[in-house]
Amino acid sequence: MSSAMSGPRRADAEAIRPRLQRWAEAVVQPDARVEAVHPMPGNSGISFAFTVGGGHGPAQSFVIRLAPPGVRRRGNTDVLRQLPLLRTLHEHSVPIAQVRWWTDDPEWFGTDALVQEYVPALPLHMTDTSLSARVPESRVPVLLDRAVDTLVAIHRVPVGSLSGWEAPRSIDTELSFWDDVLRSADDADWLAASRELRTHLADAAPATPRTGLFHGDYQTNNVLFDEGEQVAAVVDWEIAGLGPQGLDLGWLMMMCDPTCWHPSYRERMRVVARPRDLLRRYEATSAARVDRPGWYQALACYRFGAIAAYNYRLHRTGRRVDELYAVMAPSVGALFARGMQLLREPDG
């Protein structure tokens, strides 16, 4: 989910320009000229879009993603972890931004870096129409169907070529990961509600979940559509992994379902869908029944509640100011409460 860029990020764009110029001259063409450097929207990492002109050919546009300097390379801080995944996705015709170059040599950018081609396309932005594809409201369900079809294609990617990439996550591992995140929250009511939801999730977990590749943050901010309303690329693979694939569908269902959110956030939502419609499309395209979809949506409520609680604490204490999570904070309790309701429903 995106938030407005702050002044320091714009300053960072100016600071990185000389390094991008050196890279362009070495990699693209000797007389390259770097232009239009600007930070990309989103919270998934440090990334900048830029254009390379000069010479006799047309200008080329790229996005560079940088690992946070001085931070341990792990999960979403390890940008090079994505390389084998992006290659595999491309080989299996999943639309992504093509990788142009990468390095772990700090001489280039002071940290690990991954350069991809810029995709001239826009998402169905969850809350900000200025960042969204311009489509009539009547076309939103059509684009959502295409996003679901692409999710099925992702879940069909064989993971044999990713053997050795990382160990698959079990449901217990997934729950334990978010337990650790929630320990950093400091609201007693949130902690009590999250622990109750976590206990019920563990007790009601699917016995034999379908496992494979998952995106981890599959929502319409991360699905780009071209002018023909087709999926041009799926982006932000930082927390992708191997494990229960139902968490992707549950995440998309939660993001589009107003009943999961506090009224203060609900009124900001620009992409709304009934979870059962997303589920039906997924099952029709995949020709397979999803076991316990309500459980996976409840898991999504737990995951995002943990993320929002953690980031709100960082915001409130000034360690990492992000107004998005001040806006999201009232929804933390609502997410945990809705997760409990979902588990009580027949398919939960």
Protein backbone atom coordinates (compact mmCIF):
# COMPACT_ATOMS: atom_id res chain seq x y z
CA MET A 1 0.00 0.00 0.00
CA SER A 2 1.45 3.32 -1.02
CA SER A 3 2.06 6.56 0.79
CA ALA A 4 3.23 9.98 -0.35
CA MET A 5 6.96 10.43 -0.62
CA SER A 6 8.61 12.75 1.87
CA GLY A 7 11.23 15.43 1.31
CA PRO A 8 14.22 13.23 2.25
CA ARG A 9 13.33 10.74 -0.47
CA ARG A 10 13.37 13.55 -3.06
CA ALA A 11 16.79 14.56 -1.75
CA ASP A 12 17.90 10.95 -2.04
CA ALA A 13 16.89 11.05 -5.70
CA GLU A 14 19.32 13.91 -6.30
CA ALA A 15 22.05 12.14 -4.34
CA ILE A 16 21.79 8.97 -6.42
CA ARG A 17 21.78 10.77 -9.80
CA PRO A 18 25.61 10.86 -10.22
CA ARG A 19 25.83 7.12 -9.51
CA LEU A 20 23.06 6.44 -12.01
CA GLN A 21 24.89 8.56 -14.58
CA ARG A 22 28.06 6.51 -14.11
CA TRP A 23 26.04 3.28 -14.40
CA ALA A 24 24.28 4.45 -17.57
CA GLU A 25 27.54 5.38 -19.27
CA ALA A 26 29.05 2.00 -18.41
CA VAL A 27 26.05 -0.23 -19.09
CA VAL A 28 23.67 1.51 -21.50
CA GLN A 29 25.84 3.69 -23.76
CA PRO A 30 28.92 5.92 -23.35
CA ASP A 31 27.05 9.15 -24.14
CA ALA A 32 24.08 8.34 -21.93
CA ARG A 33 22.24 11.12 -20.14
CA VAL A 34 20.23 10.33 -16.99
CA GLU A 35 17.04 12.31 -16.54
CA ALA A 36 13.82 12.39 -14.52
CA VAL A 37 15.05 10.58 -11.40
CA HIS A 38 12.22 10.22 -8.89
CA PRO A 39 11.31 7.89 -6.01
CA MET A 40 8.73 5.21 -6.67
CA PRO A 41 5.58 5.10 -4.52
CA GLY A 42 5.20 2.34 -1.97
CA ASN A 43 6.63 0.99 1.25
CA SER A 44 8.41 -2.11 0.07
CA GLY A 45 11.90 -0.68 -0.25
CA ILE A 46 14.17 2.01 -1.69
CA SER A 47 13.48 2.40 -5.40
CA PHE A 48 13.79 5.10 -8.03
CA ALA A 49 12.57 5.44 -11.59
CA PHE A 50 14.81 7.17 -14.13
CA THR A 51 15.22 7.69 -17.86
CA VAL A 52 18.36 7.27 -19.94
CA GLY A 53 18.60 9.37 -23.10
CA GLY A 54 21.40 10.36 -25.44
CA GLY A 55 22.81 8.75 -28.54
CA HIS A 56 20.62 8.01 -31.53
CA GLY A 57 18.10 5.57 -30.08
CA PRO A 58 14.94 6.27 -28.12
CA ALA A 59 15.14 7.03 -24.40
CA GLN A 60 14.93 4.03 -22.10
CA SER A 61 13.25 3.96 -18.68
CA PHE A 62 14.33 1.87 -15.69
CA VAL A 63 13.66 1.28 -12.02
CA ILE A 64 16.50 0.66 -9.58
CA ARG A 65 15.83 -1.13 -6.30
CA LEU A 66 18.37 -0.79 -3.51
CA ALA A 67 18.97 -2.81 -0.38
CA PRO A 68 18.93 -0.61 2.75
CA PRO A 69 22.60 0.19 3.47
CA GLY A 70 23.99 -1.28 6.65
CA VAL A 71 20.99 -3.56 7.22
CA ARG A 72 21.19 -7.34 7.35
CA ARG A 73 20.11 -8.88 4.04
CA ARG A 74 16.95 -10.79 4.90
CA GLY A 75 13.49 -11.02 3.35
CA ASN A 76 12.41 -7.67 1.96
CA THR A 77 15.83 -6.10 2.63
CA ASP A 78 17.54 -8.59 0.28
CA VAL A 79 16.81 -7.29 -3.22
CA LEU A 80 19.05 -9.87 -4.93
CA ARG A 81 17.05 -12.70 -3.39
CA GLN A 82 14.48 -11.99 -6.11
CA LEU A 83 16.80 -12.82 -9.02
CA PRO A 84 16.13 -16.58 -9.36
CA LEU A 85 12.44 -15.95 -8.78
CA LEU A 86 12.17 -13.26 -11.45
CA ARG A 87 14.00 -15.48 -13.95
CA THR A 88 11.63 -18.35 -13.21
CA LEU A 89 8.55 -16.15 -13.53
CA HIS A 90 9.75 -14.84 -16.89
CA GLU A 91 10.40 -18.37 -18.15
CA HIS A 92 6.80 -19.27 -17.31
CA SER A 93 5.26 -16.18 -18.93
CA VAL A 94 4.19 -14.43 -15.75
CA PRO A 95 4.25 -10.69 -16.58
CA ILE A 96 7.02 -8.94 -14.64
CA ALA A 97 9.41 -6.03 -15.11
CA GLN A 98 12.41 -7.49 -16.90
CA VAL A 99 15.75 -7.55 -15.07
CA ARG A 100 18.39 -5.50 -16.87
CA TRP A 101 21.31 -5.57 -14.42
CA TRP A 102 22.26 -6.34 -10.84
CA THR A 103 25.25 -6.09 -8.50
CA ASP A 104 26.40 -6.85 -4.99
CA ASP A 105 29.43 -4.59 -5.43
CA PRO A 106 29.00 -1.50 -3.19
CA GLU A 107 31.28 0.50 -5.48
CA TRP A 108 28.28 1.14 -7.73
CA PHE A 109 25.55 2.29 -5.37
CA GLY A 110 26.90 1.74 -1.87
CA THR A 111 24.69 -1.34 -1.46
CA ASP A 112 23.17 -4.22 -3.43
CA ALA A 113 21.19 -3.04 -6.46
CA LEU A 114 18.76 -4.47 -8.99
CA VAL A 115 17.82 -2.61 -12.19
CA GLN A 116 14.64 -3.52 -14.05
CA GLU A 117 12.97 -2.10 -17.11
CA TYR A 118 10.24 0.41 -16.30
CA VAL A 119 6.76 -0.82 -17.21
CA PRO A 120 4.56 2.03 -18.52
CA ALA A 121 1.43 0.87 -16.76
CA LEU A 122 -0.62 1.69 -13.67
CA PRO A 123 -2.33 -0.27 -10.90
CA LEU A 124 -5.90 -0.14 -9.68
CA HIS A 125 -4.73 1.82 -6.67
CA MET A 126 -6.50 0.87 -3.46
CA THR A 127 -6.91 4.42 -2.15
CA ASP A 128 -5.30 7.07 -4.40
CA THR A 129 -6.96 7.84 -7.73
CA SER A 130 -3.99 10.02 -8.79
CA LEU A 131 -1.81 6.88 -8.85
CA SER A 132 -4.43 4.65 -10.45
CA ALA A 133 -5.27 3.43 -13.92
CA ARG A 134 -8.05 5.54 -15.42
CA VAL A 135 -10.89 3.10 -15.92
CA PRO A 136 -14.65 3.52 -15.48
CA GLU A 137 -16.02 2.02 -12.28
CA SER A 138 -17.91 -0.53 -14.39
CA ARG A 139 -14.57 -1.95 -15.63
CA VAL A 140 -13.07 -2.52 -12.17
CA PRO A 141 -14.58 -6.05 -11.83
CA VAL A 142 -13.10 -6.96 -15.23
CA LEU A 143 -9.62 -5.85 -14.18
CA LEU A 144 -10.00 -7.66 -10.87
CA ASP A 145 -10.84 -10.85 -12.78
CA ARG A 146 -7.64 -10.42 -14.78
CA ALA A 147 -5.67 -9.90 -11.60
CA VAL A 148 -7.11 -13.12 -10.19
CA ASP A 149 -6.30 -15.00 -13.40
CA THR A 150 -2.70 -13.79 -13.13
CA LEU A 151 -2.58 -14.98 -9.53
CA VAL A 152 -3.60 -18.44 -10.72
CA ALA A 153 -0.76 -18.31 -13.28
CA ILE A 154 1.69 -17.43 -10.49
CA HIS A 155 0.47 -20.32 -8.38
CA ARG A 156 0.94 -22.71 -11.31
CA VAL A 157 4.64 -21.88 -11.70
CA PRO A 158 6.61 -25.06 -10.92
CA VAL A 159 9.05 -24.48 -8.11
CA GLY A 160 11.56 -27.16 -9.09
CA SER A 161 13.86 -24.54 -10.57
CA LEU A 162 13.68 -22.70 -7.23
CA SER A 163 14.89 -25.67 -5.21
CA GLY A 164 17.55 -24.39 -2.89
CA TRP A 165 16.11 -20.87 -3.07
CA GLU A 166 14.64 -21.21 0.42
CA ALA A 167 12.77 -23.70 2.56
CA PRO A 168 8.96 -23.74 2.18
CA ARG A 169 7.02 -22.16 5.03
CA SER A 170 4.52 -24.21 6.96
CA ILE A 171 1.40 -22.64 8.44
CA ASP A 172 3.02 -22.85 11.86
CA THR A 173 6.12 -21.04 10.56
CA GLU A 174 3.93 -18.36 8.99
CA LEU A 175 2.02 -17.77 12.22
CA SER A 176 5.20 -17.71 14.29
CA PHE A 177 6.77 -15.09 12.02
CA TRP A 178 3.93 -12.65 12.67
CA ASP A 179 4.00 -13.46 16.39
CA ASP A 180 7.50 -12.00 16.45
CA VAL A 181 6.34 -8.86 14.62
CA LEU A 182 3.46 -8.35 17.05
CA ARG A 183 5.76 -8.49 20.06
CA SER A 184 6.99 -5.05 18.98
CA ALA A 185 3.48 -3.57 19.30
CA ASP A 186 2.74 -1.85 22.58
CA ASP A 187 -1.05 -1.57 22.68
CA ALA A 188 -2.50 -3.95 25.28
CA ASP A 189 -5.88 -4.28 23.53
CA TRP A 190 -4.26 -5.07 20.19
CA LEU A 191 -1.99 -7.65 21.77
CA ALA A 192 -4.88 -9.38 23.54
CA ALA A 193 -7.02 -9.44 20.38
CA SER A 194 -4.14 -10.67 18.23
CA ARG A 195 -3.29 -13.50 20.63
CA GLU A 196 -6.90 -14.66 20.65
CA LEU A 197 -7.02 -14.64 16.84
CA ARG A 198 -3.67 -16.40 16.59
CA THR A 199 -4.84 -19.19 18.91
CA HIS A 200 -7.98 -19.78 16.86
CA LEU A 201 -6.03 -19.68 13.59
CA ALA A 202 -3.68 -22.37 14.88
CA ASP A 203 -6.57 -24.52 16.15
CA ALA A 204 -8.50 -24.28 12.87
CA ALA A 205 -5.62 -24.42 10.38
CA PRO A 206 -6.10 -26.44 7.16
CA ALA A 207 -4.55 -29.87 7.56
CA THR A 208 -3.19 -30.15 4.00
CA PRO A 209 -2.79 -26.68 2.48
CA ARG A 210 -1.88 -26.40 -1.17
CA THR A 211 1.75 -25.26 -1.21
CA GLY A 212 3.91 -23.63 -3.83
CA LEU A 213 4.98 -20.16 -4.89
CA PHE A 214 3.19 -17.23 -3.28
CA HIS A 215 3.59 -13.49 -3.86
CA GLY A 216 2.97 -12.44 -0.26
CA ASP A 217 1.47 -9.00 -0.96
CA TYR A 218 -0.95 -9.72 -3.78
CA GLN A 219 -3.26 -6.72 -4.02
CA THR A 220 -4.14 -4.35 -6.82
CA ASN A 221 -1.45 -1.78 -5.96
CA ASN A 222 1.03 -4.42 -7.13
CA VAL A 223 -0.69 -5.40 -10.39
CA LEU A 224 -0.02 -3.01 -13.29
CA PHE A 225 -2.45 -2.67 -16.20
CA ASP A 226 -1.63 -1.35 -19.67
CA GLU A 227 -3.84 0.90 -21.78
CA GLY A 228 -5.64 -2.17 -23.11
CA GLU A 229 -6.62 -3.10 -19.53
CA GLN A 230 -4.41 -6.20 -19.62
CA VAL A 231 -2.01 -7.15 -16.85
CA ALA A 232 1.37 -5.71 -17.87
CA ALA A 233 3.37 -6.69 -14.78
CA VAL A 234 3.15 -7.89 -11.22
CA VAL A 235 5.61 -5.99 -9.03
CA ASP A 236 6.97 -5.95 -5.46
CA TRP A 237 8.13 -9.54 -4.99
CA GLU A 238 10.16 -8.72 -1.87
CA ILE A 239 8.22 -11.02 0.48
CA ALA A 240 7.41 -13.79 -2.00
CA GLY A 241 8.15 -17.30 -0.83
CA LEU A 242 7.22 -20.96 -0.91
CA GLY A 243 4.38 -22.13 1.28
CA PRO A 244 0.57 -22.10 1.60
CA GLN A 245 -0.73 -20.40 -1.54
CA GLY A 246 -4.14 -19.63 -0.08
CA LEU A 247 -2.62 -16.68 1.75
CA ASP A 248 -2.42 -14.73 -1.55
CA LEU A 249 -6.12 -15.11 -2.29
CA GLY A 250 -7.01 -14.40 1.34
CA TRP A 251 -4.87 -11.23 1.18
CA LEU A 252 -6.60 -9.97 -1.97
CA MET A 253 -10.00 -10.76 -0.46
CA MET A 254 -9.14 -8.84 2.72
CA MET A 255 -7.78 -5.83 0.85
CA CYS A 256 -10.98 -5.47 -1.20
CA ASP A 257 -13.46 -6.27 1.59
CA PRO A 258 -14.79 -3.21 3.47
CA THR A 259 -15.95 -5.35 6.39
CA CYS A 260 -12.30 -5.87 7.41
CA TRP A 261 -11.60 -2.19 7.92
CA HIS A 262 -12.43 0.64 10.30
CA PRO A 263 -14.94 3.15 8.83
CA SER A 264 -12.22 5.82 8.70
CA TYR A 265 -10.27 3.71 6.22
CA ARG A 266 -13.31 2.15 4.54
CA GLU A 267 -14.34 5.52 3.11
CA ARG A 268 -10.92 5.79 1.41
CA MET A 269 -11.23 2.47 -0.42
CA ARG A 270 -11.37 2.75 -4.22
CA VAL A 271 -11.22 -0.96 -5.09
CA VAL A 272 -14.02 -2.96 -3.50
CA ALA A 273 -15.11 -6.51 -4.26
CA ARG A 274 -17.07 -9.26 -2.57
CA PRO A 275 -14.68 -11.98 -1.39
CA ARG A 276 -16.94 -14.68 -2.80
CA ASP A 277 -16.65 -13.15 -6.29
CA LEU A 278 -12.85 -13.24 -6.14
CA LEU A 279 -13.02 -16.79 -4.81
CA ARG A 280 -15.34 -17.93 -7.60
CA ARG A 281 -13.08 -16.47 -10.25
CA TYR A 282 -10.00 -18.11 -8.74
CA GLU A 283 -11.70 -21.50 -8.53
CA ALA A 284 -13.09 -21.22 -12.08
CA THR A 285 -9.70 -20.28 -13.57
CA SER A 286 -7.70 -22.80 -11.58
CA ALA A 287 -10.32 -25.55 -11.94
CA ALA A 288 -9.70 -26.39 -8.29
CA ARG A 289 -11.60 -25.81 -5.09
CA VAL A 290 -9.99 -23.61 -2.43
CA ASP A 291 -10.17 -25.28 0.97
CA ARG A 292 -11.07 -22.94 3.85
CA PRO A 293 -11.00 -19.55 2.07
CA GLY A 294 -12.40 -17.83 5.15
CA TRP A 295 -9.46 -19.13 7.18
CA TYR A 296 -7.01 -17.61 4.73
CA GLN A 297 -8.80 -14.26 4.82
CA ALA A 298 -8.64 -14.41 8.63
CA LEU A 299 -4.91 -15.13 8.35
CA ALA A 300 -4.60 -12.05 6.12
CA CYS A 301 -6.34 -9.98 8.82
CA TYR A 302 -3.80 -11.27 11.33
CA ARG A 303 -0.83 -10.58 9.04
CA PHE A 304 -1.84 -7.05 8.13
CA GLY A 305 -2.90 -6.25 11.67
CA ALA A 306 0.61 -7.21 12.76
CA ILE A 307 2.21 -5.11 10.02
CA ALA A 308 0.10 -2.05 10.81
CA ALA A 309 0.65 -2.35 14.59
CA TYR A 310 4.41 -2.67 14.13
CA ASN A 311 4.71 0.22 11.68
CA TYR A 312 2.41 2.46 13.70
CA ARG A 313 4.70 2.05 16.70
CA LEU A 314 7.69 3.04 14.54
CA HIS A 315 5.73 6.04 13.30
CA ARG A 316 4.49 7.10 16.74
CA THR A 317 7.94 6.87 18.31
CA GLY A 318 9.58 8.76 15.45
CA ARG A 319 11.82 5.87 14.45
CA ARG A 320 10.28 5.73 10.96
CA VAL A 321 7.68 8.37 10.29
CA ASP A 322 4.97 7.22 7.86
CA GLU A 323 1.59 8.92 7.97
CA LEU A 324 0.01 5.95 6.19
CA TYR A 325 0.18 3.93 9.38
CA ALA A 326 -1.36 6.72 11.43
CA VAL A 327 -4.30 6.39 9.04
CA MET A 328 -4.22 2.59 9.28
CA ALA A 329 -4.00 2.40 13.09
CA PRO A 330 -7.78 2.44 13.79
CA SER A 331 -8.13 -0.62 11.54
CA VAL A 332 -5.80 -2.82 13.60
CA GLY A 333 -8.49 -3.79 16.09
CA ALA A 334 -11.06 -4.06 13.29
CA LEU A 335 -8.85 -6.52 11.40
CA PHE A 336 -8.38 -8.77 14.42
CA ALA A 337 -12.11 -8.68 15.17
CA ARG A 338 -13.06 -9.47 11.57
CA GLY A 339 -10.57 -12.33 11.54
CA MET A 340 -12.38 -13.89 14.51
CA GLN A 341 -15.75 -13.46 12.76
CA LEU A 342 -14.45 -15.16 9.63
CA LEU A 343 -13.29 -18.17 11.63
CA ARG A 344 -16.78 -18.53 13.08
CA GLU A 345 -18.43 -18.54 9.65
CA PRO A 346 -19.16 -21.92 7.98
CA ASP A 347 -16.14 -21.95 5.61
CA GLY A 348 -13.76 -20.45 8.19
